[in-house]
């Protein structure tokens, strides 16, 4: 099964936010959110990215990713 984010180079946002690790993560989160995935696909994406626990209540995977991007950015 091909997933929408597989093979996507997450570089445009990374360049915009700088080169540090936090900036790179923010850029990649913004690009992931911009892919237009539904919540099930976002849950699968965060699992593939290594998240081993569910997002904290009351957040959905997409809402949690947006919050993390906002706080890091």
C-alpha atoms as a PDB file:
ATOM      1  CA  UNK A   1       0.000   0.000   0.000  1.00  0.00           C
ATOM      2  CA  UNK A   2       1.375   3.410  -0.936  1.00  0.00           C
ATOM      3  CA  UNK A   3       0.782   6.073   1.681  1.00  0.00           C
ATOM      4  CA  UNK A   4       0.437   9.732   0.597  1.00  0.00           C
ATOM      5  CA  UNK A   5       3.470  10.977   2.519  1.00  0.00           C
ATOM      6  CA  UNK A   6       5.843   8.197   1.479  1.00  0.00           C
ATOM      7  CA  UNK A   7       8.466   9.407  -0.928  1.00  0.00           C
ATOM      8  CA  UNK A   8       7.568  13.047  -0.293  1.00  0.00           C
ATOM      9  CA  UNK A   9      10.540  15.289   0.216  1.00  0.00           C
ATOM     10  CA  UNK A  10       9.689  17.573   3.101  1.00  0.00           C
ATOM     11  CA  UNK A  11      12.116  20.362   2.256  1.00  0.00           C
ATOM     12  CA  UNK A  12      10.230  23.549   1.289  1.00  0.00           C
ATOM     13  CA  UNK A  13       8.958  24.212   4.825  1.00  0.00           C
ATOM     14  CA  UNK A  14      12.231  23.012   6.330  1.00  0.00           C
ATOM     15  CA  UNK A  15      14.151  25.631   4.356  1.00  0.00           C
ATOM     16  CA  UNK A  16      11.673  28.339   5.319  1.00  0.00           C
ATOM     17  CA  UNK A  17      12.026  27.605   9.046  1.00  0.00           C
ATOM     18  CA  UNK A  18      15.811  27.256   9.133  1.00  0.00           C
ATOM     19  CA  UNK A  19      18.186  24.349   9.591  1.00  0.00           C
ATOM     20  CA  UNK A  20      18.041  23.528  13.347  1.00  0.00           C
ATOM     21  CA  UNK A  21      16.448  20.291  14.547  1.00  0.00           C
ATOM     22  CA  UNK A  22      13.355  22.016  15.999  1.00  0.00           C
ATOM     23  CA  UNK A  23      12.973  24.148  12.878  1.00  0.00           C
ATOM     24  CA  UNK A  24      13.278  21.085  10.687  1.00  0.00           C
ATOM     25  CA  UNK A  25      10.616  19.281  12.730  1.00  0.00           C
ATOM     26  CA  UNK A  26       8.272  22.288  12.471  1.00  0.00           C
ATOM     27  CA  UNK A  27       8.725  22.440   8.713  1.00  0.00           C
ATOM     28  CA  UNK A  28       8.079  18.742   8.326  1.00  0.00           C
ATOM     29  CA  UNK A  29       4.971  18.911  10.523  1.00  0.00           C
ATOM     30  CA  UNK A  30       3.583  21.775   8.439  1.00  0.00           C
ATOM     31  CA  UNK A  31       4.226  19.836   5.237  1.00  0.00           C
ATOM     32  CA  UNK A  32       2.603  16.702   6.674  1.00  0.00           C
ATOM     33  CA  UNK A  33      -0.464  18.710   7.694  1.00  0.00           C
ATOM     34  CA  UNK A  34      -0.616  20.323   4.241  1.00  0.00           C
ATOM     35  CA  UNK A  35      -0.966  16.933   2.521  1.00  0.00           C
ATOM     36  CA  UNK A  36      -4.701  16.930   3.214  1.00  0.00           C
ATOM     37  CA  UNK A  37      -4.755  13.557   4.969  1.00  0.00           C
ATOM     38  CA  UNK A  38      -7.831  12.434   6.866  1.00  0.00           C
ATOM     39  CA  UNK A  39      -7.524  11.609  10.577  1.00  0.00           C
ATOM     40  CA  UNK A  40      -6.987   7.881   9.979  1.00  0.00           C
ATOM     41  CA  UNK A  41      -4.122   8.642   7.588  1.00  0.00           C
ATOM     42  CA  UNK A  42      -2.639  11.134  10.066  1.00  0.00           C
ATOM     43  CA  UNK A  43      -2.791   8.501  12.819  1.00  0.00           C
ATOM     44  CA  UNK A  44      -0.955   6.083  10.536  1.00  0.00           C
ATOM     45  CA  UNK A  45       1.587   8.775   9.639  1.00  0.00           C
ATOM     46  CA  UNK A  46       2.457   9.568  13.259  1.00  0.00           C
ATOM     47  CA  UNK A  47       2.764   5.842  13.993  1.00  0.00           C
ATOM     48  CA  UNK A  48       5.177   5.445  11.077  1.00  0.00           C
ATOM     49  CA  UNK A  49       7.125   8.471  12.287  1.00  0.00           C
ATOM     50  CA  UNK A  50       7.756   6.639  15.551  1.00  0.00           C
ATOM     51  CA  UNK A  51       5.035   7.904  17.862  1.00  0.00           C
ATOM     52  CA  UNK A  52       4.323   4.940  20.118  1.00  0.00           C
ATOM     53  CA  UNK A  53       1.454   6.409  22.139  1.00  0.00           C
ATOM     54  CA  UNK A  54      -1.849   8.025  21.260  1.00  0.00           C
ATOM     55  CA  UNK A  55      -2.051  11.837  21.216  1.00  0.00           C
ATOM     56  CA  UNK A  56      -3.000  13.251  24.611  1.00  0.00           C
ATOM     57  CA  UNK A  57      -6.736  13.751  25.222  1.00  0.00           C
ATOM     58  CA  UNK A  58      -8.648  15.608  23.806  1.00  0.00           C
ATOM     59  CA  UNK A  59      -6.470  15.868  20.664  1.00  0.00           C
ATOM     60  CA  UNK A  60      -6.906  13.929  17.422  1.00  0.00           C
ATOM     61  CA  UNK A  61      -3.665  13.080  15.579  1.00  0.00           C
ATOM     62  CA  UNK A  62      -4.112  16.094  13.263  1.00  0.00           C
ATOM     63  CA  UNK A  63      -4.933  18.509  16.072  1.00  0.00           C
ATOM     64  CA  UNK A  64      -1.976  17.265  18.090  1.00  0.00           C
ATOM     65  CA  UNK A  65       0.411  17.661  15.141  1.00  0.00           C
ATOM     66  CA  UNK A  66      -0.860  21.228  14.606  1.00  0.00           C
ATOM     67  CA  UNK A  67      -0.369  22.031  18.313  1.00  0.00           C
ATOM     68  CA  UNK A  68       3.173  20.647  18.308  1.00  0.00           C
ATOM     69  CA  UNK A  69       4.040  22.626  15.166  1.00  0.00           C
ATOM     70  CA  UNK A  70       2.615  25.800  16.715  1.00  0.00           C
ATOM     71  CA  UNK A  71       4.485  25.361  20.003  1.00  0.00           C
ATOM     72  CA  UNK A  72       7.800  24.517  18.349  1.00  0.00           C
ATOM     73  CA  UNK A  73       7.459  27.258  15.746  1.00  0.00           C
END
